[in-house]
Amino acid sequence: MEVLKDVSFRVAPVSRRDAEEMVREIRAWPLLAAYRGSEPADEGAIVEALLRVSRLSCDFPELQELDINPLLVLPKGKGIRAIDCRMTVAEAP
């Protein structure tokens, strides 16, 4: 939640433990974990997305920037949806 300055950073490649910690250390975590009787969000899908983006950044060093915003997190077991995505790739020499 960048607009709220509620972010977490790691250096790629991130481990599963890193990704899990990233999700749980943001201040908005209680909203994802089930707030006032709401269904918990699909934390596993968020972790998996973090792992895949980390791997993507390592496998393709020409990837300079990746912005996924917003990322819609569905209830547990339902996954996530990237609503908009922008990628910047280095030009070939």
N, C-alpha and C. Protein backbone atom coordinates (compact mmCIF):
# COMPACT_ATOMS: atom_id res chain seq x y z
N MET A 1 0.84 -1.17 0.00
CA MET A 1 0.00 0.00 0.00
C MET A 1 0.89 1.24 0.00
N GLU A 2 1.46 1.45 -1.16
CA GLU A 2 2.44 2.51 -1.32
C GLU A 2 1.87 3.89 -0.99
N VAL A 3 0.62 4.14 -1.35
CA VAL A 3 0.03 5.44 -1.08
C VAL A 3 0.00 5.74 0.42
N LEU A 4 -0.07 4.70 1.23
CA LEU A 4 -0.08 4.86 2.67
C LEU A 4 1.32 4.73 3.27
N LYS A 5 2.33 4.63 2.40
CA LYS A 5 3.72 4.44 2.83
C LYS A 5 3.83 3.19 3.71
N ASP A 6 3.05 2.18 3.36
CA ASP A 6 3.02 0.91 4.06
C ASP A 6 3.63 -0.13 3.12
N VAL A 7 4.96 -0.18 3.09
CA VAL A 7 5.67 -1.02 2.13
C VAL A 7 6.70 -1.90 2.85
N SER A 8 7.16 -2.90 2.14
CA SER A 8 8.19 -3.80 2.65
C SER A 8 9.14 -4.10 1.50
N PHE A 9 10.43 -4.15 1.78
CA PHE A 9 11.43 -4.38 0.74
C PHE A 9 12.34 -5.55 1.11
N ARG A 10 12.81 -6.25 0.10
CA ARG A 10 13.86 -7.26 0.21
C ARG A 10 14.68 -7.21 -1.08
N VAL A 11 15.87 -7.75 -1.01
CA VAL A 11 16.72 -7.88 -2.19
C VAL A 11 16.43 -9.24 -2.82
N ALA A 12 16.22 -9.26 -4.13
CA ALA A 12 15.94 -10.51 -4.84
C ALA A 12 17.21 -11.33 -4.98
N PRO A 13 17.10 -12.62 -4.95
CA PRO A 13 15.86 -13.40 -4.87
C PRO A 13 15.38 -13.52 -3.43
N VAL A 14 14.07 -13.46 -3.26
CA VAL A 14 13.51 -13.60 -1.93
C VAL A 14 13.16 -15.07 -1.68
N SER A 15 13.27 -15.47 -0.45
CA SER A 15 12.88 -16.83 -0.06
C SER A 15 11.39 -16.82 0.30
N ARG A 16 10.83 -18.00 0.45
CA ARG A 16 9.43 -18.10 0.88
C ARG A 16 9.27 -17.42 2.25
N ARG A 17 10.22 -17.63 3.12
CA ARG A 17 10.15 -17.00 4.45
C ARG A 17 10.16 -15.48 4.32
N ASP A 18 11.05 -14.95 3.46
CA ASP A 18 11.09 -13.50 3.21
C ASP A 18 9.72 -13.00 2.75
N ALA A 19 9.15 -13.70 1.77
CA ALA A 19 7.86 -13.27 1.20
C ALA A 19 6.76 -13.29 2.26
N GLU A 20 6.74 -14.33 3.08
CA GLU A 20 5.74 -14.41 4.15
C GLU A 20 5.92 -13.27 5.14
N GLU A 21 7.17 -12.97 5.49
CA GLU A 21 7.44 -11.86 6.41
C GLU A 21 7.03 -10.54 5.80
N MET A 22 7.27 -10.37 4.51
CA MET A 22 6.91 -9.12 3.83
C MET A 22 5.41 -8.86 3.95
N VAL A 23 4.62 -9.90 3.72
CA VAL A 23 3.17 -9.75 3.79
C VAL A 23 2.73 -9.40 5.21
N ARG A 24 3.31 -10.06 6.19
CA ARG A 24 2.86 -9.90 7.57
C ARG A 24 3.41 -8.68 8.27
N GLU A 25 4.45 -8.05 7.72
CA GLU A 25 5.02 -6.89 8.41
C GLU A 25 4.40 -5.56 8.01
N ILE A 26 3.56 -5.56 7.00
CA ILE A 26 2.90 -4.29 6.66
C ILE A 26 1.81 -3.98 7.68
N ARG A 27 1.57 -2.71 7.88
CA ARG A 27 0.55 -2.30 8.86
C ARG A 27 -0.86 -2.71 8.46
N ALA A 28 -1.08 -2.91 7.16
CA ALA A 28 -2.40 -3.30 6.67
C ALA A 28 -2.66 -4.80 6.83
N TRP A 29 -1.72 -5.54 7.38
CA TRP A 29 -1.88 -6.98 7.54
C TRP A 29 -3.20 -7.37 8.20
N PRO A 30 -3.66 -6.70 9.25
CA PRO A 30 -4.94 -7.12 9.86
C PRO A 30 -6.11 -7.09 8.87
N LEU A 31 -6.06 -6.22 7.88
CA LEU A 31 -7.13 -6.18 6.88
C LEU A 31 -7.11 -7.42 6.00
N LEU A 32 -5.94 -7.98 5.79
CA LEU A 32 -5.81 -9.18 4.97
C LEU A 32 -6.13 -10.45 5.77
N ALA A 33 -5.88 -10.39 7.06
CA ALA A 33 -5.99 -11.57 7.91
C ALA A 33 -7.41 -11.89 8.36
N ALA A 34 -8.36 -11.09 8.08
CA ALA A 34 -9.77 -11.25 8.45
C ALA A 34 -10.09 -10.17 9.47
N TYR A 35 -10.73 -9.15 9.01
CA TYR A 35 -11.04 -7.98 9.82
C TYR A 35 -12.53 -7.95 10.11
N ARG A 36 -12.86 -7.90 11.37
CA ARG A 36 -14.27 -7.80 11.81
C ARG A 36 -15.18 -8.81 11.12
N GLY A 37 -14.74 -10.04 11.10
CA GLY A 37 -15.57 -11.10 10.56
C GLY A 37 -15.49 -11.30 9.06
N SER A 38 -14.69 -10.50 8.37
CA SER A 38 -14.56 -10.70 6.92
C SER A 38 -13.72 -11.95 6.65
N GLU A 39 -13.84 -12.47 5.45
CA GLU A 39 -13.05 -13.63 5.06
C GLU A 39 -11.58 -13.24 4.95
N PRO A 40 -10.66 -14.11 5.38
CA PRO A 40 -9.25 -13.79 5.22
C PRO A 40 -8.87 -13.78 3.74
N ALA A 41 -7.90 -12.94 3.41
CA ALA A 41 -7.42 -12.85 2.03
C ALA A 41 -6.53 -14.06 1.73
N ASP A 42 -6.28 -14.27 0.46
CA ASP A 42 -5.46 -15.39 0.01
C ASP A 42 -3.98 -15.04 0.17
N GLU A 43 -3.50 -15.16 1.41
CA GLU A 43 -2.10 -14.84 1.71
C GLU A 43 -1.14 -15.70 0.89
N GLY A 44 -1.47 -16.96 0.71
CA GLY A 44 -0.62 -17.85 -0.07
C GLY A 44 -0.42 -17.37 -1.49
N ALA A 45 -1.46 -16.80 -2.08
CA ALA A 45 -1.35 -16.28 -3.45
C ALA A 45 -0.47 -15.03 -3.50
N ILE A 46 -0.53 -14.22 -2.46
CA ILE A 46 0.34 -13.04 -2.39
C ILE A 46 1.80 -13.48 -2.29
N VAL A 47 2.05 -14.44 -1.41
CA VAL A 47 3.41 -14.96 -1.23
C VAL A 47 3.92 -15.55 -2.55
N GLU A 48 3.10 -16.32 -3.21
CA GLU A 48 3.50 -16.93 -4.49
C GLU A 48 3.81 -15.85 -5.53
N ALA A 49 3.02 -14.80 -5.57
CA ALA A 49 3.27 -13.70 -6.51
C ALA A 49 4.60 -13.02 -6.21
N LEU A 50 4.89 -12.79 -4.94
CA LEU A 50 6.17 -12.18 -4.56
C LEU A 50 7.33 -13.07 -5.00
N LEU A 51 7.21 -14.38 -4.80
CA LEU A 51 8.26 -15.31 -5.21
C LEU A 51 8.45 -15.31 -6.72
N ARG A 52 7.37 -15.27 -7.46
CA ARG A 52 7.46 -15.28 -8.93
C ARG A 52 8.03 -13.98 -9.49
N VAL A 53 7.64 -12.86 -8.91
CA VAL A 53 8.20 -11.58 -9.36
C VAL A 53 9.69 -11.51 -9.03
N SER A 54 10.05 -12.01 -7.87
CA SER A 54 11.46 -12.07 -7.49
C SER A 54 12.25 -12.91 -8.49
N ARG A 55 11.73 -14.08 -8.83
CA ARG A 55 12.40 -14.96 -9.79
C ARG A 55 12.47 -14.30 -11.17
N LEU A 56 11.40 -13.64 -11.58
CA LEU A 56 11.36 -12.94 -12.87
C LEU A 56 12.47 -11.90 -12.94
N SER A 57 12.63 -11.15 -11.85
CA SER A 57 13.65 -10.10 -11.83
C SER A 57 15.06 -10.68 -11.90
N CYS A 58 15.25 -11.87 -11.35
CA CYS A 58 16.56 -12.51 -11.42
C CYS A 58 16.82 -13.15 -12.78
N ASP A 59 15.79 -13.73 -13.36
CA ASP A 59 15.93 -14.42 -14.65
C ASP A 59 16.06 -13.45 -15.82
N PHE A 60 15.53 -12.24 -15.68
CA PHE A 60 15.55 -11.25 -16.75
C PHE A 60 16.12 -9.94 -16.24
N PRO A 61 17.44 -9.82 -16.16
CA PRO A 61 18.06 -8.61 -15.63
C PRO A 61 17.75 -7.35 -16.44
N GLU A 62 17.29 -7.52 -17.67
CA GLU A 62 16.90 -6.35 -18.46
C GLU A 62 15.59 -5.73 -17.98
N LEU A 63 14.88 -6.42 -17.11
CA LEU A 63 13.66 -5.88 -16.50
C LEU A 63 14.08 -4.78 -15.52
N GLN A 64 13.73 -3.56 -15.83
CA GLN A 64 14.14 -2.43 -15.00
C GLN A 64 13.09 -2.04 -13.98
N GLU A 65 11.83 -2.20 -14.34
CA GLU A 65 10.75 -1.76 -13.46
C GLU A 65 9.51 -2.60 -13.74
N LEU A 66 8.78 -2.93 -12.68
CA LEU A 66 7.52 -3.65 -12.79
C LEU A 66 6.57 -3.05 -11.78
N ASP A 67 5.45 -2.54 -12.26
CA ASP A 67 4.46 -1.92 -11.40
C ASP A 67 3.14 -2.66 -11.59
N ILE A 68 2.67 -3.31 -10.55
CA ILE A 68 1.38 -4.00 -10.57
C ILE A 68 0.49 -3.24 -9.61
N ASN A 69 -0.47 -2.52 -10.15
CA ASN A 69 -1.26 -1.64 -9.31
C ASN A 69 -2.59 -1.31 -9.99
N PRO A 70 -3.68 -1.73 -9.41
CA PRO A 70 -3.79 -2.45 -8.15
C PRO A 70 -3.68 -3.97 -8.34
N LEU A 71 -3.40 -4.62 -7.25
CA LEU A 71 -3.41 -6.07 -7.17
C LEU A 71 -4.60 -6.44 -6.29
N LEU A 72 -5.56 -7.08 -6.87
CA LEU A 72 -6.77 -7.46 -6.14
C LEU A 72 -6.54 -8.81 -5.46
N VAL A 73 -6.66 -8.84 -4.16
CA VAL A 73 -6.47 -10.07 -3.39
C VAL A 73 -7.85 -10.62 -3.04
N LEU A 74 -8.11 -11.81 -3.50
CA LEU A 74 -9.40 -12.46 -3.29
C LEU A 74 -9.38 -13.26 -1.98
N PRO A 75 -10.53 -13.77 -1.57
CA PRO A 75 -10.57 -14.58 -0.34
C PRO A 75 -9.68 -15.82 -0.45
N LYS A 76 -9.30 -16.33 0.70
CA LYS A 76 -8.40 -17.48 0.79
C LYS A 76 -8.82 -18.59 -0.18
N GLY A 77 -7.85 -19.06 -0.96
CA GLY A 77 -8.11 -20.12 -1.93
C GLY A 77 -8.58 -19.65 -3.28
N LYS A 78 -8.85 -18.34 -3.43
CA LYS A 78 -9.38 -17.80 -4.69
C LYS A 78 -8.33 -17.08 -5.52
N GLY A 79 -7.14 -16.82 -4.95
CA GLY A 79 -6.06 -16.21 -5.72
C GLY A 79 -6.03 -14.69 -5.68
N ILE A 80 -5.34 -14.16 -6.66
CA ILE A 80 -5.18 -12.71 -6.82
C ILE A 80 -5.39 -12.36 -8.28
N ARG A 81 -5.61 -11.07 -8.54
CA ARG A 81 -5.77 -10.58 -9.92
C ARG A 81 -5.00 -9.29 -10.06
N ALA A 82 -4.15 -9.23 -11.07
CA ALA A 82 -3.45 -8.00 -11.39
C ALA A 82 -4.39 -7.19 -12.29
N ILE A 83 -4.84 -6.06 -11.80
CA ILE A 83 -5.79 -5.24 -12.54
C ILE A 83 -5.06 -4.42 -13.60
N ASP A 84 -3.89 -3.91 -13.26
CA ASP A 84 -3.10 -3.13 -14.21
C ASP A 84 -1.63 -3.43 -13.95
N CYS A 85 -0.86 -3.46 -15.01
CA CYS A 85 0.56 -3.77 -14.88
C CYS A 85 1.34 -2.98 -15.92
N ARG A 86 2.50 -2.46 -15.49
CA ARG A 86 3.38 -1.73 -16.40
C ARG A 86 4.79 -2.24 -16.17
N MET A 87 5.50 -2.52 -17.29
CA MET A 87 6.83 -3.06 -17.20
C MET A 87 7.77 -2.21 -18.07
N THR A 88 8.96 -1.93 -17.55
CA THR A 88 9.99 -1.23 -18.30
C THR A 88 11.15 -2.18 -18.50
N VAL A 89 11.56 -2.35 -19.75
CA VAL A 89 12.65 -3.26 -20.10
C VAL A 89 13.75 -2.44 -20.76
N ALA A 90 15.00 -2.77 -20.43
CA ALA A 90 16.15 -2.07 -21.01
C ALA A 90 16.21 -2.32 -22.51
N GLU A 91 16.58 -1.30 -23.25
CA GLU A 91 16.73 -1.45 -24.70
C GLU A 91 17.97 -2.26 -25.00
N ALA A 92 17.91 -3.02 -26.08
CA ALA A 92 19.07 -3.80 -26.51
C ALA A 92 20.20 -2.86 -26.92
N PRO A 93 21.46 -3.22 -26.59
CA PRO A 93 22.58 -2.33 -26.95
C PRO A 93 22.80 -2.21 -28.44
